[in-house]
Protein backbone atom coordinates (compact mmCIF):
# COMPACT_ATOMS: atom_id res chain seq x y z
CA UNK A 1 0.00 0.00 0.00
CA UNK A 2 1.20 3.48 -0.80
CA UNK A 3 0.92 5.86 2.12
CA UNK A 4 0.20 9.47 1.21
CA UNK A 5 1.49 11.88 3.83
CA UNK A 6 -1.32 14.40 3.57
CA UNK A 7 -4.35 15.38 5.59
CA UNK A 8 -7.24 17.20 4.02
CA UNK A 9 -7.59 20.46 6.01
CA UNK A 10 -11.30 20.79 5.20
CA UNK A 11 -12.00 17.24 6.37
CA UNK A 12 -13.67 16.18 9.60
CA UNK A 13 -12.67 18.29 12.59
CA UNK A 14 -11.01 15.91 15.02
CA UNK A 15 -11.60 18.28 17.94
CA UNK A 16 -15.36 18.20 17.38
CA UNK A 17 -15.69 14.50 16.62
CA UNK A 18 -13.14 12.95 18.98
CA UNK A 19 -11.69 11.16 15.94
CA UNK A 20 -8.20 11.67 14.56
CA UNK A 21 -6.57 10.81 11.22
CA UNK A 22 -4.33 7.77 11.44
CA UNK A 23 -3.35 7.52 7.76
CA UNK A 24 -4.21 8.88 4.34
CA UNK A 25 -4.03 6.79 1.18
CA UNK A 26 -4.13 7.56 -2.53
CA UNK A 27 -6.52 4.74 -3.44
CA UNK A 28 -9.94 3.99 -1.99
CA UNK A 29 -9.28 0.26 -1.74
CA UNK A 30 -6.12 0.92 0.30
CA UNK A 31 -8.07 2.99 2.83
CA UNK A 32 -10.82 0.36 2.97
CA UNK A 33 -8.20 -2.34 3.57
CA UNK A 34 -6.66 -0.27 6.40
CA UNK A 35 -10.11 0.27 7.95
CA UNK A 36 -10.84 -3.46 7.78
CA UNK A 37 -7.42 -4.24 9.30
CA UNK A 38 -8.09 -1.88 12.20
CA UNK A 39 -11.60 -3.22 12.76
CA UNK A 40 -10.30 -6.80 12.78
CA UNK A 41 -7.91 -5.70 15.57
CA UNK A 42 -10.88 -4.35 17.52
CA UNK A 43 -10.21 -0.68 16.72
CA UNK A 44 -13.17 1.39 15.50
CA UNK A 45 -12.34 3.11 12.20
CA UNK A 46 -13.99 5.09 9.46
CA UNK A 47 -12.97 6.33 6.02
CA UNK A 48 -13.37 9.95 4.89
CA UNK A 49 -12.78 11.49 1.49
CA UNK A 50 -14.51 9.00 -0.77
CA UNK A 51 -17.01 11.65 -1.84
CA UNK A 52 -14.24 13.17 -3.97
CA UNK A 53 -13.70 10.05 -6.09
CA UNK A 54 -17.23 9.63 -7.41
CA UNK A 55 -16.29 10.76 -10.91
CA UNK A 56 -16.99 7.21 -12.08
CA UNK A 57 -19.95 6.72 -9.77
CA UNK A 58 -20.50 5.22 -6.32
CA UNK A 59 -18.27 2.30 -5.53
CA UNK A 60 -15.23 3.63 -7.39
CA UNK A 61 -12.18 2.08 -5.75
CA UNK A 62 -9.50 3.91 -7.72
CA UNK A 63 -7.19 6.83 -7.08
CA UNK A 64 -8.07 10.09 -5.39
CA UNK A 65 -6.21 13.33 -6.02
CA UNK A 66 -7.11 14.54 -2.50
CA UNK A 67 -6.38 11.36 -0.56
CA UNK A 68 -8.64 9.07 1.45
CA UNK A 69 -8.25 9.50 5.22
CA UNK A 70 -8.73 6.71 7.76
CA UNK A 71 -9.95 8.07 11.10
CA UNK A 72 -9.98 6.42 14.54
CA UNK A 73 -11.12 7.61 17.98
CA UNK A 74 -8.30 9.62 19.54
CA UNK A 75 -7.96 7.12 22.39
CA UNK A 76 -7.08 4.38 19.83
CA UNK A 77 -4.63 6.46 17.76
CA UNK A 78 -1.32 5.01 18.99
CA UNK A 79 -2.55 1.41 18.81
CA UNK A 80 -3.96 2.05 15.33
CA UNK A 81 -0.59 3.37 14.16
CA UNK A 82 1.09 0.23 15.48
CA UNK A 83 -1.44 -2.03 13.74
CA UNK A 84 -0.97 -0.21 10.43
CA UNK A 85 2.79 0.11 10.87
CA UNK A 86 2.66 3.90 10.52
CA UNK A 87 5.19 6.09 12.30
CA UNK A 88 2.72 8.95 12.66
C-alpha cells in the first residue's frame, strides 16, 4: 500500500468528533483495507474522502487526487498506528 502523507484540512474536525486521522491513502481500496485491518484488531475506524472520487460513480475504488483518510477515535490512535505500521 502506498501511504500518502497528507491530511485534508477541510475534512472532519477531530476536535469536534473525537476522531483523529491515522493515515491517508491515494486509493480507496487501500483505505478500505486499512479500515478493515483496524476493525479486525478491535479498533473502530472510518474512512473519509470518498465523496471526492465519485467521478466514475459510487463504488469507485481507484485513485483520489485529494487522498482518502482513515480516522480512529483519539484514544485508539497510537494502537492504530502500530497495527498499520505507521510512524505517525
